[in-house]
């Protein structure tokens, strides 16, 4: 049976692939559960130094599986469970202490935006379309989109994108901060980024991504204290010691 999430590890890279290509990688319960399981597995595997996030088929992610929602016996209960489960997976990705790079293509819509924005670097194919999508079916955001979208684009741009519900082309998405880079072969380029991270101080990169992502959750004073404690802990790590010794001996 085909799994809705493929997760493999090679050369320090944990490759997490959304794998419902026949359904545009739309999010159903199985995919949401698989996303959480893969992110949790990555968090507990020391062989994973970085994450590569991709989608199989013609689209990265078409959002929530509307067919599954409409066919549910109790749509309200079902969509609440689906949104909660999917958000747990997104939060698990966001919380990882390893850097995450995403390669996106085709379309990124609705919940797909939340999954994509769990990545620290996002590389898109030139013809990728980004769609807020929720208002077109009378729904509101899930998967942390109402948090991650304004954080990436700024509040006014995020509001304009969300309330117009018009597709955003890759060039505009790049201009507005939604993505990091455009590449003809986004997966190959993203793999280059992941390979570079895996060969560097990936633990330091992972701790850095956590601190930047969580910086709005605490006061400036509390975050400064966290920085001081973390850098103190890092300096004694084997990773830092090796790099510091190499630096001073140049």
Protein backbone atom coordinates (compact mmCIF):
# COMPACT_ATOMS: atom_id res chain seq x y z
CA UNK A 1 0.00 0.00 0.00
CA UNK A 2 1.33 3.44 -0.93
CA UNK A 3 2.18 5.58 2.09
CA UNK A 4 0.94 9.21 2.09
CA UNK A 5 4.32 10.30 3.47
CA UNK A 6 7.67 8.90 2.38
CA UNK A 7 10.55 9.45 4.79
CA UNK A 8 14.05 8.30 3.92
CA UNK A 9 17.51 9.14 5.26
CA UNK A 10 20.68 9.37 3.17
CA UNK A 11 23.99 11.14 3.86
CA UNK A 12 22.55 13.05 6.79
CA UNK A 13 19.51 14.30 4.85
CA UNK A 14 16.04 13.25 5.97
CA UNK A 15 13.86 13.43 2.85
CA UNK A 16 10.20 13.98 3.76
CA UNK A 17 7.96 13.66 0.71
CA UNK A 18 4.20 14.29 0.55
CA UNK A 19 3.02 11.28 -1.42
CA UNK A 20 -0.58 11.56 -2.60
CA UNK A 21 0.21 12.66 -6.17
CA UNK A 22 -3.11 11.35 -7.51
CA UNK A 23 -4.86 13.81 -5.16
CA UNK A 24 -2.45 16.76 -5.55
CA UNK A 25 -0.96 15.81 -2.16
CA UNK A 26 -4.05 17.18 -0.46
CA UNK A 27 -4.11 16.68 3.29
CA UNK A 28 -6.27 13.86 4.60
CA UNK A 29 -5.99 12.23 8.02
CA UNK A 30 -3.46 9.65 6.85
CA UNK A 31 -1.14 12.29 5.40
CA UNK A 32 -1.53 14.49 8.49
CA UNK A 33 -0.68 11.58 10.77
CA UNK A 34 2.24 10.58 8.54
CA UNK A 35 3.61 14.12 8.59
CA UNK A 36 3.64 14.14 12.38
CA UNK A 37 5.19 10.67 12.54
CA UNK A 38 7.96 11.56 10.08
CA UNK A 39 8.82 14.83 11.84
CA UNK A 40 8.87 13.03 15.19
CA UNK A 41 11.10 10.27 13.79
CA UNK A 42 13.50 12.89 12.41
CA UNK A 43 13.66 14.64 15.77
CA UNK A 44 14.81 11.44 17.47
CA UNK A 45 17.28 10.23 14.85
CA UNK A 46 20.86 11.47 15.20
CA UNK A 47 21.57 10.45 11.59
CA UNK A 48 19.25 13.22 10.41
CA UNK A 49 21.25 16.43 10.19
CA UNK A 50 18.85 18.34 7.95
CA UNK A 51 15.41 17.93 6.32
CA UNK A 52 14.49 18.11 2.63
CA UNK A 53 10.72 18.65 2.18
CA UNK A 54 9.13 17.88 -1.22
CA UNK A 55 5.88 16.78 -2.84
CA UNK A 56 5.44 13.93 -5.33
CA UNK A 57 3.68 14.43 -8.66
CA UNK A 58 2.63 17.64 -10.39
CA UNK A 59 1.85 19.76 -7.30
CA UNK A 60 3.50 20.29 -3.94
CA UNK A 61 0.22 20.42 -2.02
CA UNK A 62 -3.32 21.38 -3.00
CA UNK A 63 -4.45 22.08 0.58
CA UNK A 64 -7.01 20.10 2.54
CA UNK A 65 -8.83 17.15 1.02
CA UNK A 66 -12.25 18.73 0.41
CA UNK A 67 -13.68 15.44 -0.86
CA UNK A 68 -12.84 13.72 2.42
CA UNK A 69 -14.44 16.58 4.34
CA UNK A 70 -17.70 16.63 2.36
CA UNK A 71 -18.08 12.85 2.51
CA UNK A 72 -17.61 12.69 6.29
CA UNK A 73 -20.63 11.75 8.38
CA UNK A 74 -20.00 14.76 10.62
CA UNK A 75 -18.03 17.33 8.56
CA UNK A 76 -17.58 19.73 11.49
CA UNK A 77 -16.08 17.10 13.75
CA UNK A 78 -14.02 15.66 10.91
CA UNK A 79 -12.48 18.94 9.77
CA UNK A 80 -11.69 19.89 13.37
CA UNK A 81 -9.88 16.60 13.85
CA UNK A 82 -8.11 16.93 10.50
CA UNK A 83 -6.96 20.50 11.20
CA UNK A 84 -5.76 19.55 14.68
CA UNK A 85 -3.84 16.51 13.43
CA UNK A 86 -2.30 18.37 10.49
CA UNK A 87 -1.29 21.28 12.70
CA UNK A 88 0.45 18.87 15.08
CA UNK A 89 2.55 17.69 12.14
CA UNK A 90 3.37 21.24 11.07
CA UNK A 91 4.31 22.20 14.62
CA UNK A 92 6.55 19.13 14.87
CA UNK A 93 8.35 20.31 11.71
CA UNK A 94 8.62 23.85 13.05
CA UNK A 95 10.07 22.62 16.35
CA UNK A 96 12.85 20.51 14.83
CA UNK A 97 16.39 21.33 15.89
CA UNK A 98 17.60 20.63 12.33
CA UNK A 99 17.34 23.10 9.42
CA UNK A 100 14.60 22.45 6.85
CA UNK A 101 14.62 23.27 3.13
CA UNK A 102 11.54 22.87 0.92
CA UNK A 103 11.28 22.41 -2.84
CA UNK A 104 7.84 23.38 -4.17
CA UNK A 105 6.28 23.23 -7.62
CA UNK A 106 2.95 23.27 -9.42
CA UNK A 107 0.67 24.63 -6.74
CA UNK A 108 0.84 25.38 -3.04
CA UNK A 109 -2.60 26.05 -1.58
CA UNK A 110 -4.30 26.35 1.80
CA UNK A 111 -2.77 23.95 4.32
CA UNK A 112 0.10 23.45 1.86
CA UNK A 113 1.23 26.98 2.70
CA UNK A 114 1.48 26.03 6.36
CA UNK A 115 3.50 22.91 5.58
CA UNK A 116 5.78 24.85 3.22
CA UNK A 117 6.35 27.66 5.73
CA UNK A 118 7.65 25.16 8.28
CA UNK A 119 10.79 25.22 6.11
CA UNK A 120 13.57 27.74 6.68
CA UNK A 121 14.49 28.04 3.00
CA UNK A 122 11.87 27.61 0.25
CA UNK A 123 12.88 27.04 -3.37
CA UNK A 124 10.14 27.17 -6.01
CA UNK A 125 9.83 26.22 -9.66
CA UNK A 126 9.22 29.26 -11.92
CA UNK A 127 5.63 28.27 -12.74
CA UNK A 128 4.53 27.58 -9.16
CA UNK A 129 1.24 29.20 -8.09
CA UNK A 130 0.53 30.07 -4.45
CA UNK A 131 -3.12 30.24 -3.42
CA UNK A 132 -4.62 31.12 -0.03
CA UNK A 133 -7.67 29.07 -1.08
CA UNK A 134 -9.68 29.04 2.16
CA UNK A 135 -12.26 31.77 1.25
CA UNK A 136 -13.06 30.06 -2.05
CA UNK A 137 -14.70 27.26 -0.05
CA UNK A 138 -15.91 29.45 2.83
CA UNK A 139 -13.26 28.30 5.30
CA UNK A 140 -10.60 29.90 7.50
CA UNK A 141 -6.88 29.07 7.87
CA UNK A 142 -5.40 26.04 9.60
CA UNK A 143 -1.91 24.53 9.93
CA UNK A 144 -0.62 27.77 11.46
CA UNK A 145 -1.10 29.73 8.22
CA UNK A 146 -2.56 32.75 10.03
CA UNK A 147 0.70 32.91 12.03
CA UNK A 148 3.35 31.89 9.51
CA UNK A 149 2.01 33.88 6.55
CA UNK A 150 2.23 37.37 8.12
CA UNK A 151 5.54 36.39 9.69
CA UNK A 152 6.93 35.59 6.24
CA UNK A 153 5.31 38.37 4.16
CA UNK A 154 4.48 41.08 6.67
CA UNK A 155 0.95 41.74 7.88
CA UNK A 156 -0.29 44.02 5.10
CA UNK A 157 0.96 41.81 2.27
CA UNK A 158 -0.39 38.72 3.99
CA UNK A 159 -3.79 40.36 4.39
CA UNK A 160 -3.86 41.45 0.76
CA UNK A 161 -2.95 37.93 -0.37
CA UNK A 162 -5.43 36.21 1.94
CA UNK A 163 -8.40 38.51 1.41
CA UNK A 164 -8.07 38.74 -2.37
CA UNK A 165 -7.66 34.95 -2.61
CA UNK A 166 -5.99 35.50 -5.99
CA UNK A 167 -3.10 33.23 -7.03
CA UNK A 168 0.39 34.59 -6.45
CA UNK A 169 3.00 33.78 -9.11
CA UNK A 170 6.47 32.67 -8.10
CA UNK A 171 8.12 35.99 -8.99
CA UNK A 172 5.63 37.92 -6.85
CA UNK A 173 5.99 35.37 -4.05
CA UNK A 174 9.74 35.95 -4.12
CA UNK A 175 9.32 39.74 -4.09
CA UNK A 176 6.94 39.55 -1.13
CA UNK A 177 9.06 37.23 1.01
CA UNK A 178 6.89 34.13 0.77
CA UNK A 179 9.70 32.07 -0.79
CA UNK A 180 13.49 32.29 -0.81
CA UNK A 181 14.55 31.41 -4.34
CA UNK A 182 13.32 30.33 -7.78
CA UNK A 183 15.05 27.48 -9.61
CA UNK A 184 14.30 25.49 -12.75
CA UNK A 185 14.88 22.28 -10.80
CA UNK A 186 13.84 23.17 -7.25
CA UNK A 187 14.37 19.70 -5.79
CA UNK A 188 17.92 19.48 -7.11
CA UNK A 189 18.68 22.97 -5.80
CA UNK A 190 17.08 22.19 -2.44
CA UNK A 191 19.16 19.01 -2.23
CA UNK A 192 22.29 21.14 -2.75
CA UNK A 193 21.24 23.35 0.17
CA UNK A 194 20.50 20.34 2.38
CA UNK A 195 23.85 18.74 1.48
CA UNK A 196 25.69 21.94 2.40
CA UNK A 197 23.89 22.12 5.74
CA UNK A 198 24.55 18.46 6.49
CA UNK A 199 28.27 19.08 6.00
CA UNK A 200 28.37 22.10 8.32
CA UNK A 201 27.61 22.62 12.00
CA UNK A 202 24.08 21.32 11.62
CA UNK A 203 23.39 21.30 15.36
CA UNK A 204 24.28 25.00 15.55
CA UNK A 205 22.12 25.67 12.47
CA UNK A 206 19.24 23.77 14.05
CA UNK A 207 19.50 25.66 17.34
CA UNK A 208 19.68 28.94 15.40
CA UNK A 209 16.52 28.14 13.41
CA UNK A 210 14.71 27.33 16.66
CA UNK A 211 15.74 30.62 18.27
CA UNK A 212 14.76 32.72 15.26
CA UNK A 213 11.43 30.93 14.87
CA UNK A 214 10.59 31.26 18.56
CA UNK A 215 11.86 34.83 19.02
CA UNK A 216 8.38 36.38 19.11
CA UNK A 217 7.18 34.06 21.86
CA UNK A 218 9.22 35.66 24.66
CA UNK A 219 10.37 39.07 25.80
CA UNK A 220 13.60 40.59 24.50
CA UNK A 221 15.21 40.07 27.92
CA UNK A 222 14.15 36.42 28.13
CA UNK A 223 15.34 35.75 24.62
CA UNK A 224 18.68 37.41 25.30
CA UNK A 225 19.10 35.14 28.32
CA UNK A 226 18.29 32.13 26.17
CA UNK A 227 20.92 33.23 23.65
CA UNK A 228 23.56 33.50 26.36
CA UNK A 229 22.74 30.08 27.81
CA UNK A 230 22.61 28.42 24.40
CA UNK A 231 25.93 29.83 23.17
CA UNK A 232 27.50 28.74 26.46
CA UNK A 233 26.19 25.23 25.99
CA UNK A 234 27.30 25.14 22.37
CA UNK A 235 30.91 26.16 22.99
CA UNK A 236 31.65 22.88 24.80
CA UNK A 237 30.04 20.66 22.17
CA UNK A 238 32.30 18.41 20.05
CA UNK A 239 30.95 20.13 16.92
CA UNK A 240 31.90 23.62 18.12
CA UNK A 241 35.21 22.51 19.61
CA UNK A 242 36.34 20.99 16.31
CA UNK A 243 35.37 24.11 14.35
CA UNK A 244 36.89 26.51 16.90
CA UNK A 245 40.16 24.58 16.94
CA UNK A 246 40.26 24.61 13.13
CA UNK A 247 39.60 28.36 13.13
CA UNK A 248 42.33 29.31 15.64
CA UNK A 249 44.92 27.04 14.01
CA UNK A 250 44.57 28.62 10.54
